Protein backbone atom coordinates (compact mmCIF):
# COMPACT_ATOMS: atom_id res chain seq x y z
CA MET A 1 0.00 0.00 0.00
CA ALA A 2 3.04 2.26 0.06
CA SER A 3 3.19 5.42 -2.06
CA ASN A 4 -0.55 5.78 -2.65
CA ALA A 5 -2.57 8.73 -1.42
CA LEU A 6 -4.93 6.74 0.81
CA GLU A 7 -7.83 8.43 2.52
CA LEU A 8 -9.09 5.41 4.49
CA LEU A 9 -7.23 2.58 6.19
CA PRO A 10 -8.15 -0.81 4.71
CA ASN A 11 -10.62 -3.18 6.30
CA GLY A 12 -9.11 -6.64 6.53
CA SER A 13 -9.10 -9.85 8.38
CA SER A 14 -7.50 -10.41 11.74
CA SER A 15 -4.80 -12.46 10.04
CA LEU A 16 -3.22 -9.42 8.31
CA SER A 17 0.41 -9.34 9.45
CA LYS A 18 2.19 -6.58 7.53
CA VAL A 19 0.98 -3.01 6.91
CA ASP A 20 2.87 -0.33 4.96
CA ILE A 21 1.13 3.02 4.48
CA SER A 22 4.34 5.02 3.88
CA PHE A 23 4.56 8.18 1.73
CA ASN A 24 0.83 8.76 1.34
CA LYS A 25 0.49 12.27 2.81
CA LEU A 26 -1.71 10.81 5.52
CA THR A 27 -2.73 13.08 8.39
CA GLY A 28 -4.35 12.56 11.75
CA SER A 29 -3.29 10.23 14.53
CA LEU A 30 -2.79 6.49 14.74
CA ASN A 31 -6.18 4.94 15.49
CA PRO A 32 -6.12 2.37 18.33
CA LEU A 33 -9.07 0.57 16.69
CA PHE A 34 -6.92 -0.13 13.66
CA PHE A 35 -4.35 -2.06 15.69
CA ARG A 36 -7.09 -3.91 17.56
CA ALA A 37 -8.48 -5.04 14.21
CA PHE A 38 -5.17 -6.71 13.33
CA PRO A 39 -3.93 -8.32 16.54
CA ARG A 40 -1.47 -10.59 14.70
CA MET A 41 0.33 -7.72 12.99
CA THR A 42 4.11 -8.20 12.83
CA SER A 43 5.16 -5.14 10.82
CA PHE A 44 3.79 -1.60 10.72
CA LYS A 45 5.32 1.14 8.56
CA SER A 46 4.09 4.70 8.22
CA VAL A 47 7.13 6.59 6.95
CA GLY A 48 7.03 10.10 5.48
CA ASN A 49 3.40 10.96 6.21
CA ARG A 50 1.97 13.81 8.27
CA MET A 51 0.71 11.79 11.20
CA VAL A 52 0.51 13.45 14.61
CA GLY A 53 -0.18 12.49 18.19
CA GLN A 54 1.20 9.79 20.45
CA ILE A 55 1.81 6.12 19.80
CA PRO A 56 -1.29 4.26 21.04
CA GLY A 57 -0.89 1.61 23.72
CA GLU A 58 -2.25 -1.01 21.34
CA VAL A 59 1.03 -0.87 19.44
CA ILE A 60 3.23 -1.60 22.43
CA PHE A 61 1.05 -4.44 23.69
CA SER A 62 0.98 -6.27 20.37
CA THR A 63 2.45 -9.67 21.17
CA PHE A 64 3.39 -10.43 17.57
CA MET A 65 4.87 -7.05 16.57
CA GLU A 66 8.44 -7.34 15.22
CA GLU A 67 8.95 -4.12 13.28
CA VAL A 68 7.69 -0.54 13.68
CA ASP A 69 8.80 2.35 11.47
CA ILE A 70 6.98 5.67 11.96
CA SER A 71 9.90 7.89 10.86
CA TYR A 72 9.44 11.39 9.45
CA ASN A 73 6.02 12.27 10.76
CA ARG A 74 4.92 14.69 13.48
CA HIS A 75 4.31 12.34 16.36
CA THR A 76 4.63 13.79 19.86
CA GLY A 77 4.81 12.66 23.45
CA ILE A 78 7.28 10.18 24.85
CA ILE A 79 8.72 7.07 23.26
CA PRO A 80 6.69 4.27 24.86
CA ASN A 81 8.24 1.45 26.84
CA LEU A 82 8.96 -1.24 24.27
CA SER A 83 9.79 -3.92 26.82
CA PHE A 84 6.37 -5.55 26.35
CA LEU A 85 7.07 -6.23 22.67
CA THR A 86 8.86 -9.50 23.32
CA ASN A 87 9.24 -10.30 19.60
CA MET A 88 10.37 -6.81 18.58
CA LYS A 89 13.37 -6.68 16.21
CA SER A 90 13.35 -3.12 14.87
CA PHE A 91 11.94 0.22 16.08
CA ARG A 92 12.50 3.38 14.02
CA ALA A 93 10.97 6.75 14.86
CA ASP A 94 13.45 9.20 13.31
CA GLY A 95 12.47 12.77 12.51
CA ASN A 96 9.46 13.27 14.78
CA LEU A 97 8.66 15.54 17.74
CA PHE A 98 9.08 13.06 20.58
CA ASN A 99 10.38 14.45 23.88
CA GLY A 100 10.67 13.55 27.53
CA ASN A 101 12.75 10.75 29.02
CA LEU A 102 13.34 7.50 27.22
CA PRO A 103 11.98 4.62 29.34
CA VAL A 104 14.27 1.74 30.28
CA ILE A 105 14.09 -0.92 27.58
CA SER A 106 15.01 -4.40 28.73
CA GLY A 107 14.27 -8.07 28.23
CA LEU A 108 14.05 -7.96 24.43
CA GLN A 109 15.96 -11.02 23.24
CA TYR A 110 15.50 -10.39 19.50
CA PHE A 111 15.84 -6.60 19.34
CA GLU A 112 18.36 -5.64 16.59
CA GLU A 113 17.74 -1.99 15.69
CA PHE A 114 16.72 1.12 17.65
CA SER A 115 16.69 4.46 15.81
CA ILE A 116 15.10 7.67 17.15
CA SER A 117 17.31 10.37 15.56
CA ASN A 118 16.13 13.97 15.20
CA ASN A 119 13.81 14.18 18.17
CA SER A 120 14.12 15.87 21.59
CA VAL A 121 14.38 12.79 23.77
CA VAL A 122 16.49 12.64 26.95
CA ILE A 123 18.46 9.43 27.56
CA ASP A 124 20.07 9.02 30.96
CA SER A 125 23.09 6.79 31.54
CA SER A 126 21.18 3.90 33.14
CA THR A 127 18.66 3.80 30.29
CA PHE A 128 21.47 3.90 27.75
CA ALA A 129 23.30 1.12 29.58
CA SER A 130 20.17 -1.03 29.60
CA LEU A 131 19.76 -0.49 25.86
CA LEU A 132 23.36 -1.45 25.19
CA SER A 133 22.95 -4.61 27.25
CA LEU A 134 20.35 -6.11 24.90
CA PRO A 135 22.02 -9.24 23.47
CA LYS A 136 21.22 -8.76 19.77
CA LEU A 137 20.96 -4.97 19.45
CA THR A 138 23.54 -4.15 16.76
CA ARG A 139 22.38 -0.74 15.47
CA ILE A 140 21.61 2.30 17.65
CA ASP A 141 20.96 5.83 16.34
CA LEU A 142 20.30 8.45 19.04
CA SER A 143 21.60 11.43 17.06
CA TYR A 144 20.08 14.86 17.66
CA ASN A 145 18.76 13.92 21.10
CA ARG A 146 20.33 14.51 24.53
CA ILE A 147 22.34 11.94 26.46
CA GLU A 148 22.97 12.66 30.14
CA GLY A 149 25.90 11.07 31.91
CA GLY A 150 28.13 10.22 28.96
CA ILE A 151 28.78 6.88 27.29
CA PRO A 152 28.17 4.02 29.76
CA VAL A 153 30.90 1.59 30.71
CA ILE A 154 29.67 -1.69 29.21
CA GLN A 155 31.84 -4.71 28.52
CA ASN A 156 31.66 -5.83 24.90
CA PRO A 157 28.07 -5.02 23.90
CA ALA A 158 26.63 -6.41 20.64
CA VAL A 159 26.27 -2.99 19.00
CA ASN A 160 28.35 -2.53 15.83
CA SER A 161 26.74 0.68 14.50
CA LEU A 162 26.44 3.59 16.94
CA ASN A 163 25.38 7.11 15.96
CA LEU A 164 25.60 9.68 18.77
CA PHE A 165 25.88 12.77 16.55
CA SER A 166 25.01 15.97 18.44
CA CYS A 167 23.91 14.32 21.69
CA SER A 168 25.41 16.88 24.13
CA LEU A 169 28.03 14.37 25.28
CA THR A 170 30.80 15.58 27.57
CA GLY A 171 33.79 14.06 29.36
CA SER A 172 36.27 11.46 28.18
CA ILE A 173 35.83 7.95 26.80
CA ASP A 174 36.41 4.96 29.07
CA PRO A 175 39.18 2.60 27.82
CA SER A 176 36.70 -0.31 27.71
CA PHE A 177 34.92 1.47 24.86
CA TYR A 178 37.74 0.61 22.43
CA SER A 179 37.05 -3.12 22.81
CA TRP A 180 33.47 -2.79 21.51
CA ARG A 181 32.62 -4.46 18.18
CA LEU A 182 31.98 -1.16 16.40
CA GLN A 183 32.13 -1.06 12.62
CA SER A 184 30.46 2.35 12.32
CA LEU A 185 30.84 5.09 14.96
CA ASN A 186 29.70 8.71 14.87
CA LEU A 187 30.52 10.91 17.88
CA SER A 188 30.53 14.16 15.92
CA ARG A 189 29.39 17.53 17.31
CA ASN A 190 29.68 16.83 20.99
CA SER A 191 32.05 18.20 23.66
CA LEU A 192 34.07 15.06 24.31
CA THR A 193 37.64 15.40 25.59
CA GLY A 194 40.73 13.29 26.19
CA ILE A 195 42.97 11.06 24.12
CA ILE A 196 41.69 8.52 21.60
CA GLY A 197 42.93 4.93 21.94
CA ALA A 198 43.27 2.14 19.39
CA PHE A 199 40.04 0.54 18.21
CA ARG A 200 40.26 -3.26 18.40
CA SER A 201 37.23 -3.74 16.14
CA ASP A 202 38.79 -2.08 13.06
CA PRO A 203 35.81 0.17 12.17
CA VAL A 204 34.88 0.99 8.58
CA ASP A 205 33.32 4.41 9.31
CA LEU A 206 34.67 6.66 12.08
CA ASP A 207 33.55 10.25 12.71
CA LEU A 208 35.07 12.04 15.73
CA SER A 209 34.78 15.53 14.27
CA ASP A 210 33.79 18.69 16.15
CA ASN A 211 34.83 17.67 19.63
CA GLN A 212 37.71 18.66 21.92
CA PHE A 213 39.87 15.56 21.63
CA THR A 214 43.62 15.99 22.19
CA GLY A 215 46.82 13.96 21.85
CA GLY A 216 48.28 12.05 18.95
CA VAL A 217 46.57 10.24 16.09
CA GLY A 218 48.45 6.95 16.27
CA PHE A 219 45.06 5.19 16.39
CA ILE A 220 44.66 5.96 12.68
CA GLY A 221 47.40 3.48 11.89
CA SER A 222 45.34 0.59 13.30
CA LEU A 223 42.32 1.28 11.07
CA ALA A 224 43.14 -1.29 8.38
CA SER A 225 39.61 -1.46 6.92
CA ILE A 226 38.64 2.19 7.26
CA LYS A 227 36.60 3.73 4.44
CA ASN A 228 35.44 7.05 5.89
CA LEU A 229 37.55 8.86 8.51
CA ASN A 230 36.70 12.29 9.88
CA ILE A 231 38.56 13.69 12.89
CA SER A 232 38.30 17.35 11.86
CA ASN A 233 37.85 20.28 14.24
CA ASN A 234 39.59 18.87 17.30
CA HIS A 235 42.94 19.51 18.98
CA PHE A 236 44.88 16.49 17.73
CA GLU A 237 48.62 16.98 17.29
CA GLY A 238 51.73 15.18 16.07
CA GLN A 239 52.34 13.24 12.88
CA VAL A 240 49.90 11.13 10.91
CA PRO A 241 51.04 7.47 10.84
CA ASP A 242 51.55 5.53 7.63
CA ILE A 243 48.21 4.94 5.92
CA SER A 244 49.47 3.50 2.63
CA GLY A 245 47.91 0.14 3.48
CA GLN A 246 44.42 1.57 4.02
CA LYS A 247 43.38 0.94 0.44
CA ALA A 248 39.61 1.11 1.07
CA LEU A 249 39.73 4.83 1.98
CA VAL A 250 36.96 6.97 0.49
CA THR A 251 37.09 10.00 2.80
CA PHE A 252 40.13 11.21 4.76
CA ASP A 253 39.41 14.40 6.73
CA VAL A 254 41.87 15.51 9.43
CA SER A 255 41.35 19.24 8.89
CA ASN A 256 41.52 21.95 11.53
CA ASN A 257 43.78 20.32 14.09
CA GLN A 258 47.44 20.89 15.04
CA LEU A 259 48.91 18.01 13.05
CA SER A 260 52.51 18.39 11.87
CA GLY A 261 55.26 16.69 9.91
CA SER A 262 54.87 15.50 6.34
CA PRO A 263 51.31 14.92 5.17
CA PRO A 264 50.38 11.48 3.81
CA ALA A 265 51.08 10.85 0.13
CA PHE A 266 48.10 9.80 -1.98
CA SER A 267 48.44 7.79 -5.18
CA ILE A 268 45.97 5.99 -7.39
CA GLN A 269 47.88 2.76 -6.79
CA ASN A 270 47.15 2.86 -3.05
CA PHE A 271 43.84 4.72 -2.95
CA ALA A 272 41.75 3.83 -6.00
CA SER A 273 38.46 4.56 -4.17
CA LEU A 274 39.51 7.86 -2.56
CA GLU A 275 37.08 10.75 -3.08
CA VAL A 276 37.90 13.36 -0.42
CA VAL A 277 41.24 14.46 1.09
CA ASP A 278 40.97 17.38 3.52
CA LEU A 279 44.07 18.41 5.47
CA HIS A 280 43.45 22.14 5.70
CA SER A 281 44.30 24.28 8.75
CA ASN A 282 47.06 22.19 10.29
CA GLN A 283 50.84 22.60 10.58
CA PHE A 284 51.97 20.16 7.90
CA THR A 285 55.35 20.84 6.29
CA GLY A 286 57.16 19.56 3.22
CA SER A 287 55.33 18.26 0.14
CA ALA A 288 51.73 17.84 -0.90
CA VAL A 289 51.84 14.61 -2.89
CA VAL A 290 48.71 13.62 -4.80
CA LEU A 291 49.19 11.39 -7.84
CA MET A 292 45.54 10.80 -8.68
CA ASN A 293 45.12 12.01 -12.26
CA SER A 294 42.61 9.20 -12.66
CA GLY A 295 40.15 7.75 -10.17
CA ARG A 296 37.29 9.15 -8.09
CA LEU A 297 39.01 12.00 -6.24
CA ARG A 298 36.79 15.10 -6.19
CA LEU A 299 38.33 17.22 -3.40
CA ALA A 300 41.92 17.79 -2.28
CA ASP A 301 42.33 20.57 0.29
CA PHE A 302 45.84 21.20 1.61
CA SER A 303 45.30 24.89 2.38
CA LEU A 304 46.50 26.80 5.44
CA ASN A 305 49.52 24.67 6.28
CA GLN A 306 53.27 25.26 5.97
CA LEU A 307 53.89 23.28 2.79
CA ASN A 308 56.59 24.32 0.35
CA ASN A 309 56.32 21.75 -2.45
CA ALA A 310 53.50 20.61 -4.72
CA SER A 311 55.51 19.38 -7.70
CA GLN A 312 53.76 16.00 -7.51
CA PHE A 313 50.17 17.19 -7.57
CA LEU A 314 47.99 15.54 -10.21
CA LEU A 315 44.21 15.36 -9.93
CA PRO A 316 41.31 14.25 -12.13
CA ASP A 317 40.08 17.05 -14.39
CA ASN A 318 36.80 17.50 -12.49
CA ALA A 319 38.36 17.60 -9.00
CA THR A 320 38.33 20.66 -6.72
CA CYS A 321 41.48 21.62 -4.85
CA ASN A 322 42.94 24.26 -2.56
CA LEU A 323 46.63 24.94 -1.86
CA GLY A 324 46.16 28.47 -0.54
CA GLY A 325 47.84 29.69 2.60
CA ASN A 326 51.09 27.78 2.00
CA ASN A 327 54.47 29.01 0.74
CA LEU A 328 55.03 26.80 -2.28
CA ASN A 329 58.24 26.76 -4.27
CA CYS A 330 58.05 26.12 -7.99
CA PRO A 331 57.57 23.93 -9.84
CA VAL A 332 54.12 22.70 -8.98
CA GLY A 333 52.19 19.86 -10.57
CA LYS A 334 49.95 20.93 -13.41
CA SER A 335 46.81 20.30 -11.34
CA ALA A 336 47.95 22.92 -8.82
CA PHE A 337 46.97 25.60 -11.32
CA LEU A 338 43.35 24.50 -10.87
CA CYS A 339 43.49 25.43 -7.20
CA GLY A 340 43.51 29.15 -7.87
CA GLU A 341 45.56 30.12 -4.81
CA PRO A 342 47.15 32.56 -4.45
CA SER A 343 46.42 33.14 -8.16
CA PRO A 344 45.49 30.83 -11.01
CA THR A 345 48.59 31.74 -13.02
CA PHE A 346 51.36 31.71 -10.43
CA PRO A 347 50.50 29.51 -7.40
CA CYS A 348 54.17 29.32 -6.38
CA LYS A 349 57.44 31.22 -6.36
CA PRO A 350 60.81 30.07 -7.73
CA SER A 351 63.55 29.73 -5.12
CA ASP A 352 66.33 30.68 -7.57
CA THR A 353 65.96 32.49 -10.89
CA LYS A 354 69.68 32.79 -11.74
CA SER A 355 71.50 29.49 -11.31
CA SER A 356 71.75 26.73 -13.91
CA GLY A 357 71.91 22.99 -13.18
CA GLY A 358 73.02 19.73 -14.72
CA LEU A 359 72.31 16.02 -14.40
CA THR A 360 73.18 12.70 -16.00
CA LEU A 361 70.61 10.07 -16.93
CA ILE A 362 71.08 6.54 -18.17
CA ILE A 363 68.42 5.73 -20.78
CA GLY A 364 67.33 2.20 -21.60
CA THR A 365 67.57 2.85 -25.34
CA SER A 366 70.54 1.95 -27.49
CA TYR A 367 72.87 4.74 -28.46
CA GLN A 368 72.30 4.09 -32.15
CA SER A 369 68.51 4.57 -31.95
CA PHE A 370 68.34 7.20 -29.20
CA ASP A 371 66.82 10.57 -30.23
CA SER A 372 67.81 13.15 -27.63
CA ASN A 373 65.40 15.80 -28.93
CA ALA A 374 62.43 13.43 -28.68
CA PHE A 375 63.50 12.42 -25.16
CA VAL A 376 63.79 16.04 -24.01
CA LYS A 377 60.32 16.76 -25.42
CA SER A 378 58.80 13.82 -23.54
CA LEU A 379 60.70 14.71 -20.35
CA SER A 380 59.56 18.33 -20.40
CA GLU A 381 55.93 17.33 -20.96
CA SER A 382 56.00 14.86 -18.06
CA LEU A 383 57.31 17.58 -15.71
CA THR A 384 55.31 20.49 -17.17
CA VAL A 385 58.61 22.29 -17.77
CA SER A 386 59.44 24.21 -20.95
CA SER A 387 61.58 22.11 -23.28
CA ASP A 388 63.87 25.04 -24.09
CA ARG A 389 65.18 24.93 -20.52
CA PHE A 390 66.90 21.61 -21.29
CA SER A 391 70.03 21.52 -23.45
CA VAL A 392 71.95 18.37 -24.35
CA HIS A 393 75.61 18.58 -23.36
CA SER A 394 76.68 15.12 -24.51
CA VAL A 395 75.31 11.73 -25.53
CA SER A 396 77.32 8.50 -25.29
CA ALA A 397 76.85 4.73 -25.22
CA SER A 398 76.45 3.20 -21.77
CA SER A 399 74.84 0.31 -19.91
CA TYR A 400 71.30 0.47 -18.58
CA SER A 401 70.99 -1.55 -15.39
CA SER A 402 67.64 -0.87 -13.66
CA LYS A 403 66.75 -4.57 -13.80
CA LYS A 404 69.48 -6.20 -15.83
CA ARG A 405 72.51 -4.78 -17.57
CA SER A 406 71.77 -3.98 -21.20
CA GLU A 407 72.82 -1.57 -23.90
CA GLY A 408 71.78 2.00 -23.18
CA THR A 409 72.66 5.65 -23.54
CA GLN A 410 74.21 8.16 -21.17
CA LEU A 411 72.66 11.61 -21.50
CA ASP A 412 74.24 14.71 -19.93
CA LEU A 413 71.74 17.54 -19.64
CA ASN A 414 71.99 21.17 -18.62
CA VAL A 415 68.98 22.96 -17.15
CA SER A 416 68.69 26.73 -17.47
CA PRO A 417 67.10 28.99 -14.83
CA PRO A 418 63.45 29.94 -15.35
CA LYS A 419 62.70 32.92 -17.49
CA GLU A 420 60.09 35.46 -16.44
CA ARG A 421 57.45 33.85 -18.66
CA ASN A 422 57.95 30.45 -17.06
CA ASN A 423 59.24 31.19 -13.56
CA TYR A 424 56.42 29.09 -12.09
CA GLU A 425 58.37 26.03 -13.30
CA GLY A 426 60.91 26.29 -10.51
CA SER A 427 64.64 26.74 -10.17
CA ALA A 428 67.11 24.69 -12.20
CA LEU A 429 68.18 22.73 -9.13
CA GLN A 430 64.55 21.98 -8.27
CA VAL A 431 63.95 20.66 -11.79
CA VAL A 432 67.08 18.50 -11.52
CA GLN A 433 65.88 17.05 -8.21
CA ASP A 434 62.41 16.42 -9.60
CA VAL A 435 63.82 14.56 -12.61
CA VAL A 436 66.05 12.41 -10.39
CA ASN A 437 63.25 11.64 -7.90
CA SER A 438 60.78 10.93 -10.67
CA VAL A 439 62.84 8.38 -12.60
CA ARG A 440 64.25 6.85 -9.44
CA ASN A 441 60.75 6.15 -8.12
CA ASN A 442 59.43 5.10 -11.52
CA PRO A 443 61.85 4.20 -14.35
CA ASN A 444 58.97 4.72 -16.82
CA ALA A 445 58.14 8.21 -15.59
CA VAL A 446 59.22 9.71 -18.91
CA PRO A 447 56.60 8.46 -21.41
CA GLY A 448 58.10 6.18 -24.05
CA TYR A 449 61.37 5.62 -22.20
CA THR A 450 63.00 3.83 -19.29
CA ALA A 451 65.52 5.92 -17.41
CA GLU A 452 67.50 6.07 -14.20
CA PRO A 453 69.85 8.61 -12.63
CA LEU A 454 73.57 7.93 -12.89
CA THR A 455 74.45 5.95 -9.78
CA ASP A 456 77.50 4.55 -8.10
CA ALA A 457 77.95 0.92 -9.20
CA LYS A 458 78.68 -0.28 -5.68
CA ASN A 459 76.00 1.22 -3.46
CA ARG A 460 73.52 2.46 -6.07
CA GLU A 461 73.50 5.96 -4.61
CA VAL A 462 72.97 8.84 -7.01
CA ILE A 463 76.33 10.33 -7.94
CA SER A 464 76.36 13.84 -6.51
CA GLY A 465 79.65 15.06 -7.94
CA ARG A 466 77.83 16.39 -10.99
CA LEU A 467 74.25 16.48 -9.75
CA GLY A 468 72.90 20.01 -9.98
CA ILE A 469 76.17 21.45 -11.33
CA PRO A 470 75.89 22.60 -14.93
CA PHE A 471 78.21 21.05 -17.48
CA PRO A 472 80.74 23.50 -18.93
CA VAL A 473 79.82 25.03 -22.28
CA LYS A 474 81.74 23.36 -25.09
């Protein structure tokens, strides 16, 4: 009967067990006679109507009732005591006008879901503890109500989904809480304090935002299965642990804290499902590394930190980003120009506009077939650096040995300082370092070629005797 504009409730036999009158624009109150007419009813749904008034006693004394959903109406009064509904599995009354104190609910052996979000109900600590003690209750949503007395100390309750968003919670969290079986936890918009411990349950969704939590964020490192993490608007400090193994991440929001050190690096290889990265308003230093030119990423906000490098910053074309409020040196990744901060044309400043540089690369192409001009063109495009800044000093036969020794080419390149028209590309030394880091991390970084920096044969360290020093003009 759902989604029809009914004017009258149906007349039926006493054997009717399931009733769904949802989304029918029904008004008025729930008629006790209706529930008396169907004493064997197991499921009643009236979602998204305009019903008013209290829940009649006939509902809570229905021996067979297993499911009630009266969400998004205008019901008033108190939530009735559900303890008489011995077969009850699910009760949902979200988005109504219920108030008063929640009665103690106990003795329900099959109860799995209790959701009363967006009301004005008061839940004291003993009532909350009784609710958590129900043996099969796995989902609780009390958001936008008021909890008095904080989160109860309960040993290993069955609940795995707990939403306490905006419940006026205060105080710290008892250590026993971290042993709960939680897979989804929302404590956002409360006034909770203290240090967060490691969650033993490995939650998938964790929202601790808009509280007053302090201390480090080492607990993030234990969240192996996390998809959505939000710890924004707290007082967390210290460095973010390694998250490269958290490959299921969709949302990573640590904004508006006092986090420091290098921010995490995000690549499509590690975070194929990532959609949101928000690190703004912290104290991160060093590089913003986002190599996500494909994938689902739609927001990357690194603004208002102390970052100085965004040379490896590649986003999907439709992504939104912000690098404002940092002090970036050039060059920056081509996606950084989409961020528009401090200006769309020059989001960085070169550290040196006078010095030249030089470097040596070993190319996995035979000397006879190697085309230095084509290589320089491909190299400049991969770095978003003008090709006229590279000049070939010498080309000679060599051995390429990234995986196995084979015939290759040694290429000595000079790099000129940026001109005024391309000073956003960075200093010559910065370009040299970016080339070396790029091919060292990925020998195929230059499209169409394999390359590696010239290294010492014994310890494979990059030879620094020439690195960054321009070759003399012939």
